[in-house]
Amino acid sequence: MTEIISSITLPPVVNADEEGQWLYHALHQWLDQEFLPELINTTIAKRTSQVYVRQRLEGENDLGALVIAILTEMRGFDFSKSFYSEFAVANAVSELLLASLGIDQCCGQP
């Protein structure tokens, strides 16, 4: 029998700009540490945080839906000057958000 994986819901947005700034800085740091720091990382982090903030302001609190929205919107981003792709960025956002909630990324448990 398969076990249903519960969705992860973020708390309702209180200050979208603050959340966006946090994600921008956290993602930019992650991008720079994962490989070599690149100028394009600033642009990637900025664009990703814009997508995230817009989704949150539209009422999206489901982590899975946020990751899919970031993945979908970042498909149009030019990653040719980067080591990364929209998949790596969306997964990084997921890991950062899970960590901020105190959830183990490996097993989905607090």
N, C-alpha and C. Protein backbone atom coordinates (compact mmCIF):
# COMPACT_ATOMS: atom_id res chain seq x y z
N MET A 1 0.84 -1.17 0.00
CA MET A 1 0.00 0.00 0.00
C MET A 1 0.89 1.24 0.00
N THR A 2 0.56 2.21 -0.82
CA THR A 2 1.34 3.43 -0.89
C THR A 2 0.90 4.40 0.21
N GLU A 3 1.86 5.15 0.68
CA GLU A 3 1.59 6.12 1.72
C GLU A 3 1.50 7.51 1.11
N ILE A 4 0.48 8.23 1.43
CA ILE A 4 0.30 9.57 0.91
C ILE A 4 1.24 10.52 1.63
N ILE A 5 1.93 11.34 0.86
CA ILE A 5 2.84 12.34 1.43
C ILE A 5 2.04 13.61 1.66
N SER A 6 2.06 14.07 2.88
CA SER A 6 1.33 15.29 3.22
C SER A 6 1.99 16.50 2.57
N SER A 7 1.17 17.43 2.18
CA SER A 7 1.73 18.67 1.63
C SER A 7 2.29 19.51 2.77
N ILE A 8 3.18 20.40 2.40
CA ILE A 8 3.78 21.31 3.37
C ILE A 8 3.26 22.70 3.07
N THR A 9 2.65 23.29 4.07
CA THR A 9 2.04 24.61 3.90
C THR A 9 2.84 25.64 4.68
N LEU A 10 3.20 26.70 4.00
CA LEU A 10 3.89 27.82 4.65
C LEU A 10 2.87 28.65 5.42
N PRO A 11 3.30 29.31 6.47
CA PRO A 11 2.38 30.23 7.17
C PRO A 11 1.94 31.33 6.20
N PRO A 12 0.76 31.88 6.40
CA PRO A 12 0.32 32.97 5.54
C PRO A 12 1.35 34.10 5.54
N VAL A 13 1.47 34.76 4.41
CA VAL A 13 2.45 35.83 4.27
C VAL A 13 2.06 37.01 5.17
N VAL A 14 3.06 37.52 5.89
CA VAL A 14 2.87 38.69 6.75
C VAL A 14 3.55 39.88 6.10
N ASN A 15 4.79 39.68 5.67
CA ASN A 15 5.55 40.74 5.02
C ASN A 15 6.24 40.15 3.80
N ALA A 16 5.61 40.28 2.65
CA ALA A 16 6.11 39.67 1.42
C ALA A 16 7.48 40.20 1.03
N ASP A 17 7.70 41.49 1.21
CA ASP A 17 9.00 42.07 0.86
C ASP A 17 10.11 41.47 1.72
N GLU A 18 9.84 41.29 2.99
CA GLU A 18 10.83 40.71 3.89
C GLU A 18 11.13 39.26 3.51
N GLU A 19 10.08 38.50 3.19
CA GLU A 19 10.27 37.12 2.74
C GLU A 19 11.09 37.09 1.45
N GLY A 20 10.77 37.99 0.54
CA GLY A 20 11.50 38.05 -0.74
C GLY A 20 12.97 38.38 -0.54
N GLN A 21 13.25 39.32 0.36
CA GLN A 21 14.64 39.68 0.65
C GLN A 21 15.38 38.51 1.29
N TRP A 22 14.70 37.82 2.21
CA TRP A 22 15.32 36.65 2.83
C TRP A 22 15.65 35.60 1.77
N LEU A 23 14.69 35.31 0.89
CA LEU A 23 14.93 34.30 -0.14
C LEU A 23 16.03 34.74 -1.09
N TYR A 24 16.02 36.01 -1.48
CA TYR A 24 17.07 36.52 -2.36
C TYR A 24 18.45 36.27 -1.76
N HIS A 25 18.64 36.68 -0.51
CA HIS A 25 19.96 36.53 0.14
C HIS A 25 20.32 35.07 0.36
N ALA A 26 19.36 34.27 0.82
CA ALA A 26 19.64 32.85 1.08
C ALA A 26 19.96 32.11 -0.22
N LEU A 27 19.19 32.37 -1.27
CA LEU A 27 19.44 31.70 -2.54
C LEU A 27 20.74 32.18 -3.17
N HIS A 28 21.00 33.47 -3.11
CA HIS A 28 22.25 34.00 -3.67
C HIS A 28 23.45 33.37 -2.98
N GLN A 29 23.39 33.26 -1.67
CA GLN A 29 24.47 32.63 -0.92
C GLN A 29 24.61 31.16 -1.31
N TRP A 30 23.49 30.46 -1.44
CA TRP A 30 23.52 29.05 -1.83
C TRP A 30 24.15 28.89 -3.21
N LEU A 31 23.73 29.72 -4.16
CA LEU A 31 24.26 29.65 -5.52
C LEU A 31 25.77 29.88 -5.53
N ASP A 32 26.22 30.88 -4.77
CA ASP A 32 27.66 31.19 -4.73
C ASP A 32 28.48 30.11 -4.05
N GLN A 33 27.89 29.42 -3.09
CA GLN A 33 28.64 28.40 -2.36
C GLN A 33 28.63 27.05 -3.06
N GLU A 34 27.60 26.78 -3.81
CA GLU A 34 27.48 25.47 -4.44
C GLU A 34 28.53 25.26 -5.53
N PHE A 35 28.77 26.28 -6.34
CA PHE A 35 29.83 26.26 -7.35
C PHE A 35 30.65 27.52 -7.14
N LEU A 36 31.20 28.03 -8.20
CA LEU A 36 31.93 29.30 -8.12
C LEU A 36 30.96 30.47 -8.11
N PRO A 37 31.26 31.50 -7.34
CA PRO A 37 30.42 32.70 -7.41
C PRO A 37 30.45 33.27 -8.83
N GLU A 38 29.28 33.57 -9.35
CA GLU A 38 29.17 34.15 -10.69
C GLU A 38 28.27 35.37 -10.62
N LEU A 39 28.51 36.34 -11.51
CA LEU A 39 27.67 37.54 -11.54
C LEU A 39 26.21 37.19 -11.81
N ILE A 40 25.97 36.18 -12.62
CA ILE A 40 24.60 35.81 -12.99
C ILE A 40 23.81 35.32 -11.77
N ASN A 41 24.49 34.88 -10.73
CA ASN A 41 23.78 34.40 -9.54
C ASN A 41 22.91 35.49 -8.91
N THR A 42 23.37 36.72 -8.98
CA THR A 42 22.58 37.84 -8.46
C THR A 42 21.27 37.95 -9.22
N THR A 43 21.33 37.85 -10.52
CA THR A 43 20.14 37.96 -11.37
C THR A 43 19.21 36.78 -11.14
N ILE A 44 19.78 35.59 -11.03
CA ILE A 44 18.95 34.39 -10.78
C ILE A 44 18.22 34.53 -9.45
N ALA A 45 18.93 34.92 -8.40
CA ALA A 45 18.31 35.07 -7.08
C ALA A 45 17.24 36.15 -7.08
N LYS A 46 17.50 37.24 -7.77
CA LYS A 46 16.54 38.34 -7.83
C LYS A 46 15.27 37.90 -8.55
N ARG A 47 15.42 37.28 -9.70
CA ARG A 47 14.25 36.84 -10.47
C ARG A 47 13.45 35.80 -9.71
N THR A 48 14.14 34.87 -9.09
CA THR A 48 13.47 33.82 -8.33
C THR A 48 12.69 34.41 -7.17
N SER A 49 13.28 35.35 -6.46
CA SER A 49 12.58 35.95 -5.32
C SER A 49 11.37 36.75 -5.79
N GLN A 50 11.44 37.37 -6.97
CA GLN A 50 10.29 38.09 -7.51
C GLN A 50 9.13 37.14 -7.79
N VAL A 51 9.44 36.00 -8.39
CA VAL A 51 8.40 35.00 -8.66
C VAL A 51 7.79 34.52 -7.35
N TYR A 52 8.64 34.22 -6.39
CA TYR A 52 8.19 33.75 -5.09
C TYR A 52 7.25 34.77 -4.42
N VAL A 53 7.67 36.01 -4.38
CA VAL A 53 6.86 37.05 -3.74
C VAL A 53 5.51 37.20 -4.44
N ARG A 54 5.52 37.22 -5.75
CA ARG A 54 4.25 37.34 -6.48
C ARG A 54 3.32 36.18 -6.15
N GLN A 55 3.86 34.97 -6.12
CA GLN A 55 3.04 33.80 -5.80
C GLN A 55 2.47 33.90 -4.38
N ARG A 56 3.31 34.33 -3.45
CA ARG A 56 2.85 34.47 -2.06
C ARG A 56 1.77 35.54 -1.94
N LEU A 57 1.95 36.65 -2.66
CA LEU A 57 0.93 37.71 -2.61
C LEU A 57 -0.38 37.27 -3.25
N GLU A 58 -0.30 36.33 -4.17
CA GLU A 58 -1.51 35.78 -4.79
C GLU A 58 -2.16 34.71 -3.91
N GLY A 59 -1.57 34.46 -2.74
CA GLY A 59 -2.18 33.55 -1.78
C GLY A 59 -1.64 32.13 -1.78
N GLU A 60 -0.57 31.89 -2.52
CA GLU A 60 -0.02 30.54 -2.57
C GLU A 60 0.81 30.26 -1.32
N ASN A 61 0.43 29.23 -0.57
CA ASN A 61 1.13 28.84 0.64
C ASN A 61 1.66 27.41 0.57
N ASP A 62 1.26 26.66 -0.45
CA ASP A 62 1.68 25.27 -0.59
C ASP A 62 3.10 25.22 -1.17
N LEU A 63 4.00 24.57 -0.45
CA LEU A 63 5.40 24.52 -0.89
C LEU A 63 5.55 23.88 -2.26
N GLY A 64 4.86 22.79 -2.50
CA GLY A 64 4.95 22.12 -3.80
C GLY A 64 4.50 23.02 -4.93
N ALA A 65 3.41 23.73 -4.74
CA ALA A 65 2.90 24.64 -5.77
C ALA A 65 3.87 25.79 -6.00
N LEU A 66 4.49 26.29 -4.94
CA LEU A 66 5.47 27.36 -5.08
C LEU A 66 6.67 26.88 -5.90
N VAL A 67 7.14 25.69 -5.62
CA VAL A 67 8.29 25.14 -6.35
C VAL A 67 7.94 24.96 -7.83
N ILE A 68 6.76 24.45 -8.11
CA ILE A 68 6.33 24.27 -9.51
C ILE A 68 6.21 25.62 -10.21
N ALA A 69 5.68 26.62 -9.51
CA ALA A 69 5.56 27.95 -10.11
C ALA A 69 6.94 28.53 -10.43
N ILE A 70 7.89 28.37 -9.52
CA ILE A 70 9.25 28.87 -9.76
C ILE A 70 9.87 28.12 -10.92
N LEU A 71 9.73 26.81 -10.92
CA LEU A 71 10.26 25.99 -12.00
C LEU A 71 9.68 26.43 -13.34
N THR A 72 8.38 26.59 -13.40
CA THR A 72 7.70 26.97 -14.64
C THR A 72 8.15 28.35 -15.13
N GLU A 73 8.18 29.31 -14.23
CA GLU A 73 8.54 30.67 -14.65
C GLU A 73 10.02 30.82 -14.98
N MET A 74 10.86 30.06 -14.29
CA MET A 74 12.30 30.16 -14.55
C MET A 74 12.69 29.40 -15.83
N ARG A 75 11.78 28.65 -16.42
CA ARG A 75 12.09 27.98 -17.69
C ARG A 75 12.39 29.01 -18.78
N GLY A 76 11.82 30.19 -18.65
CA GLY A 76 12.06 31.24 -19.62
C GLY A 76 13.32 32.05 -19.36
N PHE A 77 14.01 31.76 -18.28
CA PHE A 77 15.22 32.48 -17.91
C PHE A 77 16.40 31.90 -18.70
N ASP A 78 17.32 32.76 -19.11
CA ASP A 78 18.50 32.32 -19.86
C ASP A 78 19.60 31.87 -18.89
N PHE A 79 19.74 30.56 -18.75
CA PHE A 79 20.75 29.99 -17.85
C PHE A 79 22.06 29.69 -18.57
N SER A 80 22.23 30.19 -19.78
CA SER A 80 23.42 29.83 -20.57
C SER A 80 24.73 30.32 -19.95
N LYS A 81 24.68 31.32 -19.07
CA LYS A 81 25.89 31.83 -18.42
C LYS A 81 26.03 31.30 -16.99
N SER A 82 25.35 30.21 -16.71
CA SER A 82 25.32 29.68 -15.36
C SER A 82 25.55 28.18 -15.35
N PHE A 83 25.98 27.67 -14.22
CA PHE A 83 26.08 26.24 -14.01
C PHE A 83 24.70 25.64 -13.71
N TYR A 84 23.75 26.48 -13.37
CA TYR A 84 22.46 26.04 -12.86
C TYR A 84 21.40 25.95 -13.94
N SER A 85 20.27 25.38 -13.56
CA SER A 85 19.08 25.31 -14.41
C SER A 85 17.88 25.66 -13.54
N GLU A 86 16.73 25.77 -14.16
CA GLU A 86 15.51 26.06 -13.40
C GLU A 86 15.23 24.96 -12.38
N PHE A 87 15.62 23.73 -12.67
CA PHE A 87 15.39 22.62 -11.73
C PHE A 87 16.25 22.78 -10.48
N ALA A 88 17.52 23.10 -10.67
CA ALA A 88 18.41 23.29 -9.53
C ALA A 88 17.94 24.44 -8.66
N VAL A 89 17.49 25.52 -9.28
CA VAL A 89 17.04 26.70 -8.53
C VAL A 89 15.76 26.38 -7.75
N ALA A 90 14.79 25.74 -8.39
CA ALA A 90 13.54 25.39 -7.71
C ALA A 90 13.80 24.43 -6.55
N ASN A 91 14.68 23.46 -6.76
CA ASN A 91 15.02 22.53 -5.68
C ASN A 91 15.73 23.24 -4.54
N ALA A 92 16.61 24.18 -4.87
CA ALA A 92 17.30 24.94 -3.83
C ALA A 92 16.31 25.76 -3.00
N VAL A 93 15.34 26.38 -3.67
CA VAL A 93 14.32 27.14 -2.95
C VAL A 93 13.56 26.22 -1.99
N SER A 94 13.21 25.05 -2.47
CA SER A 94 12.52 24.08 -1.63
C SER A 94 13.34 23.74 -0.40
N GLU A 95 14.62 23.44 -0.59
CA GLU A 95 15.50 23.10 0.53
C GLU A 95 15.63 24.27 1.51
N LEU A 96 15.76 25.47 0.98
CA LEU A 96 15.90 26.64 1.85
C LEU A 96 14.63 26.87 2.67
N LEU A 97 13.48 26.73 2.03
CA LEU A 97 12.22 26.93 2.74
C LEU A 97 11.99 25.83 3.78
N LEU A 98 12.31 24.59 3.43
CA LEU A 98 12.18 23.50 4.40
C LEU A 98 13.08 23.75 5.61
N ALA A 99 14.31 24.16 5.35
CA ALA A 99 15.23 24.45 6.45
C ALA A 99 14.70 25.58 7.32
N SER A 100 14.11 26.60 6.70
CA SER A 100 13.57 27.73 7.48
C SER A 100 12.40 27.31 8.36
N LEU A 101 11.72 26.22 7.96
CA LEU A 101 10.61 25.70 8.75
C LEU A 101 11.06 24.64 9.76
N GLY A 102 12.35 24.30 9.72
CA GLY A 102 12.87 23.29 10.62
C GLY A 102 12.52 21.88 10.21
N ILE A 103 12.31 21.65 8.93
CA ILE A 103 11.96 20.34 8.40
C ILE A 103 13.17 19.72 7.74
N ASP A 104 13.46 18.47 8.07
CA ASP A 104 14.57 17.73 7.49
C ASP A 104 14.28 17.50 6.01
N GLN A 105 15.17 17.96 5.14
CA GLN A 105 14.95 17.83 3.71
C GLN A 105 14.99 16.38 3.24
N CYS A 106 15.66 15.54 3.95
CA CYS A 106 15.80 14.14 3.57
C CYS A 106 14.49 13.38 3.77
N CYS A 107 13.93 13.54 4.91
CA CYS A 107 12.81 12.67 5.26
C CYS A 107 11.50 13.41 5.50
N GLY A 108 11.51 14.72 5.42
CA GLY A 108 10.29 15.50 5.59
C GLY A 108 9.76 15.53 7.01
N GLN A 109 10.62 15.28 7.96
CA GLN A 109 10.19 15.27 9.36
C GLN A 109 10.85 16.41 10.12
N PRO A 110 10.15 16.98 11.10
CA PRO A 110 10.78 18.03 11.92
C PRO A 110 11.94 17.49 12.72
